Amino acid sequence: MAKVVLVTGSGQGIGAAIAAAFVARGYAVAGADIAYEGVTRSADMLRVQCDVSDRSSVETMVRAVETELGPIAVLVNNAGIYPMQPFESISLEDWNRVIATNLGSVFNTCQCIIPSMKQAGWGRIINISSNTFFMGLPNMAHYIASKGAVIGMTRSLSSEFGTFGITANCVAPNFTRTEGTAIVEATAPEVVAQTVASQSIPRVAVPADVLGTILFLAGDEAAFMTGQTLVVDGGTIKY
């Protein structure tokens, strides 16, 4: 029986590419996205409308996935928002929205899904962070804080649930060309140029660049790797 994978933020961009990659590998794939309508099932995957920052919405979504496909074995927390704002212009509402979406969503999904992973004695949690955590770029304080916290939470989860056969790791990409980042390329091309200039591989990243790392972490080959953050950014961060 195919393992069930849940990918949040699967409606476009990196999330859509991740979901498609798991489909191609023969997994039973569910995607959660606020842009979906209700619960729909097609030949390739199950799509469930969900606001991942809202606990009740996540609980409803997880129940729908388990009812349709079975217990979730692989969780990819990809959903997130990435506004660029000078620190002094970030309102408390802005701050709370970013933290709830980028960090609260990981808390919500993990708390709802880890119990079934424990029961199965096997699970893979893959959280999408960002290489900006290691760079401390300006105008992204709320985003970087949320992504740094995701790394910290992932390390804690890896320690707490390793004895149950559950691994927890992060993937940290850099600026990636998607539908959602098109506005950055249009309005702040200098930011994209600076990003590419910082890389050893001098081109803009695309969603396909992170898929191999994510598929590896989801498989049995990565059974002894947990609590790690794999930076996939063309060589900007080296350690």
C-alpha atoms as a PDB file:
ATOM      1  CA  MET A   1       0.000   0.000   0.000  1.00  0.00           C
ATOM      2  CA  ALA A   2       1.357   3.416  -0.963  1.00  0.00           C
ATOM      3  CA  LYS A   3       2.510   5.698   1.822  1.00  0.00           C
ATOM      4  CA  VAL A   4       0.333   8.774   2.327  1.00  0.00           C
ATOM      5  CA  VAL A   5       2.011  12.164   1.936  1.00  0.00           C
ATOM      6  CA  LEU A   6       0.529  15.491   2.987  1.00  0.00           C
ATOM      7  CA  VAL A   7       1.971  18.649   1.409  1.00  0.00           C
ATOM      8  CA  THR A   8       0.769  21.992   2.719  1.00  0.00           C
ATOM      9  CA  GLY A   9       0.722  25.026   0.448  1.00  0.00           C
ATOM     10  CA  SER A  10       0.436  22.726  -2.555  1.00  0.00           C
ATOM     11  CA  GLY A  11      -1.672  25.054  -4.681  1.00  0.00           C
ATOM     12  CA  GLN A  12       1.258  26.593  -6.538  1.00  0.00           C
ATOM     13  CA  GLY A  13       5.008  27.077  -6.642  1.00  0.00           C
ATOM     14  CA  ILE A  14       7.308  24.836  -4.612  1.00  0.00           C
ATOM     15  CA  GLY A  15       4.384  23.068  -2.937  1.00  0.00           C
ATOM     16  CA  ALA A  16       2.810  22.094  -6.252  1.00  0.00           C
ATOM     17  CA  ALA A  17       6.149  20.767  -7.497  1.00  0.00           C
ATOM     18  CA  ILE A  18       6.661  18.755  -4.304  1.00  0.00           C
ATOM     19  CA  ALA A  19       3.203  17.188  -4.556  1.00  0.00           C
ATOM     20  CA  ALA A  20       3.752  16.297  -8.215  1.00  0.00           C
ATOM     21  CA  ALA A  21       7.116  14.701  -7.415  1.00  0.00           C
ATOM     22  CA  PHE A  22       5.563  12.435  -4.786  1.00  0.00           C
ATOM     23  CA  VAL A  23       2.751  11.503  -7.190  1.00  0.00           C
ATOM     24  CA  ALA A  24       5.372  10.522  -9.777  1.00  0.00           C
ATOM     25  CA  ARG A  25       7.079   8.300  -7.180  1.00  0.00           C
ATOM     26  CA  GLY A  26       3.851   6.393  -6.486  1.00  0.00           C
ATOM     27  CA  TYR A  27       2.884   7.903  -3.142  1.00  0.00           C
ATOM     28  CA  ALA A  28      -0.734   8.593  -2.219  1.00  0.00           C
ATOM     29  CA  VAL A  29      -0.661  12.386  -2.113  1.00  0.00           C
ATOM     30  CA  ALA A  30      -2.883  14.899  -0.361  1.00  0.00           C
ATOM     31  CA  GLY A  31      -2.429  18.619  -0.808  1.00  0.00           C
ATOM     32  CA  ALA A  32      -3.706  21.294   1.557  1.00  0.00           C
ATOM     33  CA  ASP A  33      -4.099  24.878   0.445  1.00  0.00           C
ATOM     34  CA  ILE A  34      -6.277  27.829   1.370  1.00  0.00           C
ATOM     35  CA  ALA A  35      -6.971  28.381  -2.343  1.00  0.00           C
ATOM     36  CA  TYR A  36      -8.673  25.010  -2.817  1.00  0.00           C
ATOM     37  CA  GLU A  37     -12.430  24.600  -2.585  1.00  0.00           C
ATOM     38  CA  GLY A  38     -13.747  21.912  -0.257  1.00  0.00           C
ATOM     39  CA  VAL A  39     -12.403  18.390  -0.733  1.00  0.00           C
ATOM     40  CA  THR A  40     -11.773  17.163  -4.263  1.00  0.00           C
ATOM     41  CA  ARG A  41     -10.162  13.987  -5.501  1.00  0.00           C
ATOM     42  CA  SER A  42      -8.646  13.520  -8.938  1.00  0.00           C
ATOM     43  CA  ALA A  43      -6.586  10.805 -10.579  1.00  0.00           C
ATOM     44  CA  ASP A  44      -3.352  12.210  -9.179  1.00  0.00           C
ATOM     45  CA  MET A  45      -4.114  13.522  -5.686  1.00  0.00           C
ATOM     46  CA  LEU A  46      -6.546  14.621  -3.019  1.00  0.00           C
ATOM     47  CA  ARG A  47      -6.954  18.375  -2.564  1.00  0.00           C
ATOM     48  CA  VAL A  48      -8.334  19.801   0.681  1.00  0.00           C
ATOM     49  CA  GLN A  49      -9.086  23.439   1.427  1.00  0.00           C
ATOM     50  CA  CYS A  50      -7.325  24.454   4.630  1.00  0.00           C
ATOM     51  CA  ASP A  51      -6.117  27.523   6.479  1.00  0.00           C
ATOM     52  CA  VAL A  52      -3.039  26.003   8.090  1.00  0.00           C
ATOM     53  CA  SER A  53      -2.810  28.860  10.601  1.00  0.00           C
ATOM     54  CA  ASP A  54      -6.214  27.852  12.036  1.00  0.00           C
ATOM     55  CA  ARG A  55      -6.213  24.803  14.303  1.00  0.00           C
ATOM     56  CA  SER A  56      -9.798  23.732  13.653  1.00  0.00           C
ATOM     57  CA  SER A  57      -9.239  23.983   9.897  1.00  0.00           C
ATOM     58  CA  VAL A  58      -6.147  21.769  10.170  1.00  0.00           C
ATOM     59  CA  GLU A  59      -7.990  19.214  12.288  1.00  0.00           C
ATOM     60  CA  THR A  60     -10.798  19.045   9.732  1.00  0.00           C
ATOM     61  CA  MET A  61      -8.303  18.703   6.878  1.00  0.00           C
ATOM     62  CA  VAL A  62      -6.351  15.901   8.573  1.00  0.00           C
ATOM     63  CA  ARG A  63      -9.558  13.960   9.250  1.00  0.00           C
ATOM     64  CA  ALA A  64     -10.522  14.298   5.578  1.00  0.00           C
ATOM     65  CA  VAL A  65      -7.128  13.029   4.418  1.00  0.00           C
ATOM     66  CA  GLU A  66      -7.174  10.091   6.818  1.00  0.00           C
ATOM     67  CA  THR A  67     -10.711   9.174   5.782  1.00  0.00           C
ATOM     68  CA  GLU A  68      -9.910   9.282   2.064  1.00  0.00           C
ATOM     69  CA  LEU A  69      -6.343   7.948   1.993  1.00  0.00           C
ATOM     70  CA  GLY A  70      -5.389   6.590   5.418  1.00  0.00           C
ATOM     71  CA  PRO A  71      -2.848   7.640   8.068  1.00  0.00           C
ATOM     72  CA  ILE A  72      -0.319  10.252   7.001  1.00  0.00           C
ATOM     73  CA  ALA A  73       3.210   8.852   6.878  1.00  0.00           C
ATOM     74  CA  VAL A  74       5.059  11.833   5.368  1.00  0.00           C
ATOM     75  CA  LEU A  75       4.298  15.441   6.275  1.00  0.00           C
ATOM     76  CA  VAL A  76       5.807  18.269   4.232  1.00  0.00           C
ATOM     77  CA  ASN A  77       5.168  21.642   5.849  1.00  0.00           C
ATOM     78  CA  ASN A  78       5.637  23.980   2.924  1.00  0.00           C
ATOM     79  CA  ALA A  79       2.895  26.598   3.380  1.00  0.00           C
ATOM     80  CA  GLY A  80       4.182  30.063   4.131  1.00  0.00           C
ATOM     81  CA  ILE A  81       4.115  33.754   3.332  1.00  0.00           C
ATOM     82  CA  TYR A  82       7.116  36.020   2.754  1.00  0.00           C
ATOM     83  CA  PRO A  83       6.323  39.736   2.919  1.00  0.00           C
ATOM     84  CA  MET A  84       9.187  42.188   2.749  1.00  0.00           C
ATOM     85  CA  GLN A  85       8.740  45.137   5.116  1.00  0.00           C
ATOM     86  CA  PRO A  86      11.102  47.494   6.912  1.00  0.00           C
ATOM     87  CA  PHE A  87      11.177  46.506  10.573  1.00  0.00           C
ATOM     88  CA  GLU A  88       9.686  49.783  11.796  1.00  0.00           C
ATOM     89  CA  SER A  89       6.676  49.398   9.509  1.00  0.00           C
ATOM     90  CA  ILE A  90       5.764  45.887  10.703  1.00  0.00           C
ATOM     91  CA  SER A  91       2.547  46.128  12.678  1.00  0.00           C
ATOM     92  CA  LEU A  92       1.620  43.678  15.406  1.00  0.00           C
ATOM     93  CA  GLU A  93      -1.023  42.346  13.024  1.00  0.00           C
ATOM     94  CA  ASP A  94       1.620  41.809  10.321  1.00  0.00           C
ATOM     95  CA  TRP A  95       3.892  40.045  12.815  1.00  0.00           C
ATOM     96  CA  ASN A  96       1.174  37.760  14.133  1.00  0.00           C
ATOM     97  CA  ARG A  97       0.005  36.840  10.637  1.00  0.00           C
ATOM     98  CA  VAL A  98       3.484  35.755   9.525  1.00  0.00           C
ATOM     99  CA  ILE A  99       4.185  33.826  12.727  1.00  0.00           C
ATOM    100  CA  ALA A 100       0.785  32.108  12.620  1.00  0.00           C
ATOM    101  CA  THR A 101       1.167  31.114   8.980  1.00  0.00           C
ATOM    102  CA  ASN A 102       4.828  30.099   8.898  1.00  0.00           C
ATOM    103  CA  LEU A 103       5.316  28.726  12.408  1.00  0.00           C
ATOM    104  CA  GLY A 104       1.865  28.112  13.870  1.00  0.00           C
ATOM    105  CA  SER A 105       1.011  25.970  10.861  1.00  0.00           C
ATOM    106  CA  VAL A 106       3.902  23.616  11.615  1.00  0.00           C
ATOM    107  CA  PHE A 107       2.757  23.320  15.230  1.00  0.00           C
ATOM    108  CA  ASN A 108      -0.815  22.626  14.118  1.00  0.00           C
ATOM    109  CA  THR A 109      -0.040  19.943  11.565  1.00  0.00           C
ATOM    110  CA  CYS A 110       2.588  18.184  13.666  1.00  0.00           C
ATOM    111  CA  GLN A 111       0.360  17.972  16.742  1.00  0.00           C
ATOM    112  CA  CYS A 112      -2.477  16.574  14.668  1.00  0.00           C
ATOM    113  CA  ILE A 113      -0.413  14.006  12.754  1.00  0.00           C
ATOM    114  CA  ILE A 114       2.375  12.808  15.064  1.00  0.00           C
ATOM    115  CA  PRO A 115       0.029  10.581  17.153  1.00  0.00           C
ATOM    116  CA  SER A 116      -0.755   8.404  14.123  1.00  0.00           C
ATOM    117  CA  MET A 117       2.933   8.319  13.154  1.00  0.00           C
ATOM    118  CA  LYS A 118       3.764   7.106  16.670  1.00  0.00           C
ATOM    119  CA  GLN A 119       1.139   4.397  16.396  1.00  0.00           C
ATOM    120  CA  ALA A 120       2.577   3.279  13.064  1.00  0.00           C
ATOM    121  CA  GLY A 121       6.146   3.385  14.360  1.00  0.00           C
ATOM    122  CA  TRP A 122       7.265   5.314  11.266  1.00  0.00           C
ATOM    123  CA  GLY A 123       7.047   8.890  10.076  1.00  0.00           C
ATOM    124  CA  ARG A 124       8.814  11.610   8.150  1.00  0.00           C
ATOM    125  CA  ILE A 125       8.399  15.292   8.960  1.00  0.00           C
ATOM    126  CA  ILE A 126       9.990  17.657   6.444  1.00  0.00           C
ATOM    127  CA  ASN A 127       9.702  21.352   7.237  1.00  0.00           C
ATOM    128  CA  ILE A 128      10.550  24.019   4.681  1.00  0.00           C
ATOM    129  CA  SER A 129      12.622  26.765   6.278  1.00  0.00           C
ATOM    130  CA  SER A 130      14.792  29.316   4.452  1.00  0.00           C
ATOM    131  CA  ASN A 131      18.458  30.113   3.974  1.00  0.00           C
ATOM    132  CA  THR A 132      17.626  33.696   4.994  1.00  0.00           C
ATOM    133  CA  PHE A 133      17.797  32.511   8.613  1.00  0.00           C
ATOM    134  CA  PHE A 134      21.555  32.127   8.174  1.00  0.00           C
ATOM    135  CA  MET A 135      21.913  35.459   6.386  1.00  0.00           C
ATOM    136  CA  GLY A 136      19.881  37.890   8.495  1.00  0.00           C
ATOM    137  CA  LEU A 137      18.688  39.952   5.560  1.00  0.00           C
ATOM    138  CA  PRO A 138      17.016  43.334   6.191  1.00  0.00           C
ATOM    139  CA  ASN A 139      13.291  43.989   5.767  1.00  0.00           C
ATOM    140  CA  MET A 140      12.337  40.404   6.627  1.00  0.00           C
ATOM    141  CA  ALA A 141      12.484  40.279  10.424  1.00  0.00           C
ATOM    142  CA  HIS A 142       9.112  38.553  10.887  1.00  0.00           C
ATOM    143  CA  TYR A 143       9.748  36.067   8.077  1.00  0.00           C
ATOM    144  CA  ILE A 144      13.256  35.189   9.235  1.00  0.00           C
ATOM    145  CA  ALA A 145      12.124  34.882  12.853  1.00  0.00           C
ATOM    146  CA  SER A 146       9.414  32.429  11.808  1.00  0.00           C
ATOM    147  CA  LYS A 147      11.767  30.349   9.664  1.00  0.00           C
ATOM    148  CA  GLY A 148      14.434  30.242  12.363  1.00  0.00           C
ATOM    149  CA  ALA A 149      11.837  29.053  14.845  1.00  0.00           C
ATOM    150  CA  VAL A 150      10.835  26.272  12.438  1.00  0.00           C
ATOM    151  CA  ILE A 151      14.428  25.016  12.538  1.00  0.00           C
ATOM    152  CA  GLY A 152      14.388  25.085  16.338  1.00  0.00           C
ATOM    153  CA  MET A 153      11.067  23.247  16.529  1.00  0.00           C
ATOM    154  CA  THR A 154      12.298  20.640  14.072  1.00  0.00           C
ATOM    155  CA  ARG A 155      15.348  19.902  16.209  1.00  0.00           C
ATOM    156  CA  SER A 156      13.161  19.477  19.281  1.00  0.00           C
ATOM    157  CA  LEU A 157      10.736  17.171  17.461  1.00  0.00           C
ATOM    158  CA  SER A 158      13.619  15.036  16.232  1.00  0.00           C
ATOM    159  CA  SER A 159      14.794  14.508  19.810  1.00  0.00           C
ATOM    160  CA  GLU A 160      11.347  13.819  21.218  1.00  0.00           C
ATOM    161  CA  PHE A 161      10.067  11.352  18.635  1.00  0.00           C
ATOM    162  CA  GLY A 162      13.117   9.535  17.279  1.00  0.00           C
ATOM    163  CA  THR A 163      12.381   6.500  19.421  1.00  0.00           C
ATOM    164  CA  PHE A 164       9.088   6.091  17.557  1.00  0.00           C
ATOM    165  CA  GLY A 165      10.726   5.793  14.150  1.00  0.00           C
ATOM    166  CA  ILE A 166       9.883   9.401  13.274  1.00  0.00           C
ATOM    167  CA  THR A 167      12.467  11.693  11.725  1.00  0.00           C
ATOM    168  CA  ALA A 168      12.177  15.471  11.501  1.00  0.00           C
ATOM    169  CA  ASN A 169      14.343  17.553   9.202  1.00  0.00           C
ATOM    170  CA  CYS A 170      14.357  20.946   7.479  1.00  0.00           C
ATOM    171  CA  VAL A 171      15.074  21.973   3.927  1.00  0.00           C
ATOM    172  CA  ALA A 172      16.211  25.575   3.534  1.00  0.00           C
ATOM    173  CA  PRO A 173      16.022  26.914  -0.030  1.00  0.00           C
ATOM    174  CA  ASN A 174      16.799  30.427  -1.158  1.00  0.00           C
ATOM    175  CA  PHE A 175      14.815  32.755  -3.406  1.00  0.00           C
ATOM    176  CA  THR A 176      12.980  30.480  -5.845  1.00  0.00           C
ATOM    177  CA  ARG A 177      11.215  31.516  -9.036  1.00  0.00           C
ATOM    178  CA  THR A 178       7.497  30.726  -8.635  1.00  0.00           C
ATOM    179  CA  GLU A 179       4.151  32.372  -9.326  1.00  0.00           C
ATOM    180  CA  GLY A 180       4.260  33.837  -5.835  1.00  0.00           C
ATOM    181  CA  THR A 181       7.707  35.406  -6.161  1.00  0.00           C
ATOM    182  CA  ALA A 182       7.079  36.961  -9.573  1.00  0.00           C
ATOM    183  CA  ILE A 183       6.213  40.253  -7.888  1.00  0.00           C
ATOM    184  CA  VAL A 184       9.656  40.346  -6.252  1.00  0.00           C
ATOM    185  CA  GLU A 185      11.377  39.884  -9.595  1.00  0.00           C
ATOM    186  CA  ALA A 186       9.170  42.598 -11.086  1.00  0.00           C
ATOM    187  CA  THR A 187       9.458  45.170  -8.312  1.00  0.00           C
ATOM    188  CA  ALA A 188      12.852  44.438  -6.756  1.00  0.00           C
ATOM    189  CA  PRO A 189      15.094  42.930  -9.436  1.00  0.00           C
ATOM    190  CA  GLU A 190      18.143  44.105  -7.523  1.00  0.00           C
ATOM    191  CA  VAL A 191      17.259  41.699  -4.700  1.00  0.00           C
ATOM    192  CA  VAL A 192      17.171  38.790  -7.132  1.00  0.00           C
ATOM    193  CA  ALA A 193      20.434  39.903  -8.726  1.00  0.00           C
ATOM    194  CA  GLN A 194      22.133  40.101  -5.321  1.00  0.00           C
ATOM    195  CA  THR A 195      20.851  36.638  -4.475  1.00  0.00           C
ATOM    196  CA  VAL A 196      22.226  35.092  -7.657  1.00  0.00           C
ATOM    197  CA  ALA A 197      25.538  36.910  -7.195  1.00  0.00           C
ATOM    198  CA  SER A 198      25.924  35.332  -3.743  1.00  0.00           C
ATOM    199  CA  GLN A 199      25.566  31.794  -5.103  1.00  0.00           C
ATOM    200  CA  SER A 200      28.241  29.432  -6.388  1.00  0.00           C
ATOM    201  CA  ILE A 201      25.754  28.333  -9.052  1.00  0.00           C
ATOM    202  CA  PRO A 202      24.821  31.652 -10.684  1.00  0.00           C
ATOM    203  CA  ARG A 203      21.183  31.262 -11.662  1.00  0.00           C
ATOM    204  CA  VAL A 204      17.778  31.757 -10.083  1.00  0.00           C
ATOM    205  CA  ALA A 205      16.522  28.654  -8.283  1.00  0.00           C
ATOM    206  CA  VAL A 206      13.410  26.860  -9.517  1.00  0.00           C
ATOM    207  CA  PRO A 207      11.143  24.477  -7.551  1.00  0.00           C
ATOM    208  CA  ALA A 208      12.715  21.388  -9.157  1.00  0.00           C
ATOM    209  CA  ASP A 209      15.990  22.226  -7.405  1.00  0.00           C
ATOM    210  CA  VAL A 210      14.710  21.122  -3.989  1.00  0.00           C
ATOM    211  CA  LEU A 211      12.789  18.001  -4.999  1.00  0.00           C
ATOM    212  CA  GLY A 212      15.617  15.483  -4.790  1.00  0.00           C
ATOM    213  CA  THR A 213      16.463  16.534  -1.236  1.00  0.00           C
ATOM    214  CA  ILE A 214      12.839  16.289  -0.104  1.00  0.00           C
ATOM    215  CA  LEU A 215      12.285  12.888  -1.715  1.00  0.00           C
ATOM    216  CA  PHE A 216      15.471  11.622  -0.073  1.00  0.00           C
ATOM    217  CA  LEU A 217      14.369  12.775   3.381  1.00  0.00           C
ATOM    218  CA  ALA A 218      10.995  11.066   2.885  1.00  0.00           C
ATOM    219  CA  GLY A 219      12.481   7.663   2.166  1.00  0.00           C
ATOM    220  CA  ASP A 220      14.066   4.799   4.040  1.00  0.00           C
ATOM    221  CA  GLU A 221      17.516   5.903   2.835  1.00  0.00           C
ATOM    222  CA  ALA A 222      17.320   8.828   5.283  1.00  0.00           C
ATOM    223  CA  ALA A 223      16.178   6.731   8.254  1.00  0.00           C
ATOM    224  CA  PHE A 224      19.271   7.681  10.296  1.00  0.00           C
ATOM    225  CA  MET A 225      19.158  11.406   9.508  1.00  0.00           C
ATOM    226  CA  THR A 226      17.109  13.609  11.819  1.00  0.00           C
ATOM    227  CA  GLY A 227      17.243  17.062  13.361  1.00  0.00           C
ATOM    228  CA  GLN A 228      19.144  18.413  10.362  1.00  0.00           C
ATOM    229  CA  THR A 229      18.729  21.448   8.143  1.00  0.00           C
ATOM    230  CA  LEU A 230      19.785  20.876   4.549  1.00  0.00           C
ATOM    231  CA  VAL A 231      20.461  24.159   2.772  1.00  0.00           C
ATOM    232  CA  VAL A 232      19.644  23.972  -0.934  1.00  0.00           C
ATOM    233  CA  ASP A 233      20.602  27.400  -2.210  1.00  0.00           C
ATOM    234  CA  GLY A 234      23.181  27.057  -4.964  1.00  0.00           C
ATOM    235  CA  GLY A 235      26.055  27.532  -2.536  1.00  0.00           C
ATOM    236  CA  THR A 236      25.309  30.829  -0.796  1.00  0.00           C
ATOM    237  CA  ILE A 237      25.548  29.258   2.655  1.00  0.00           C
ATOM    238  CA  LYS A 238      28.572  27.029   3.164  1.00  0.00           C
ATOM    239  CA  TYR A 239      29.215  25.166   6.412  1.00  0.00           C
END
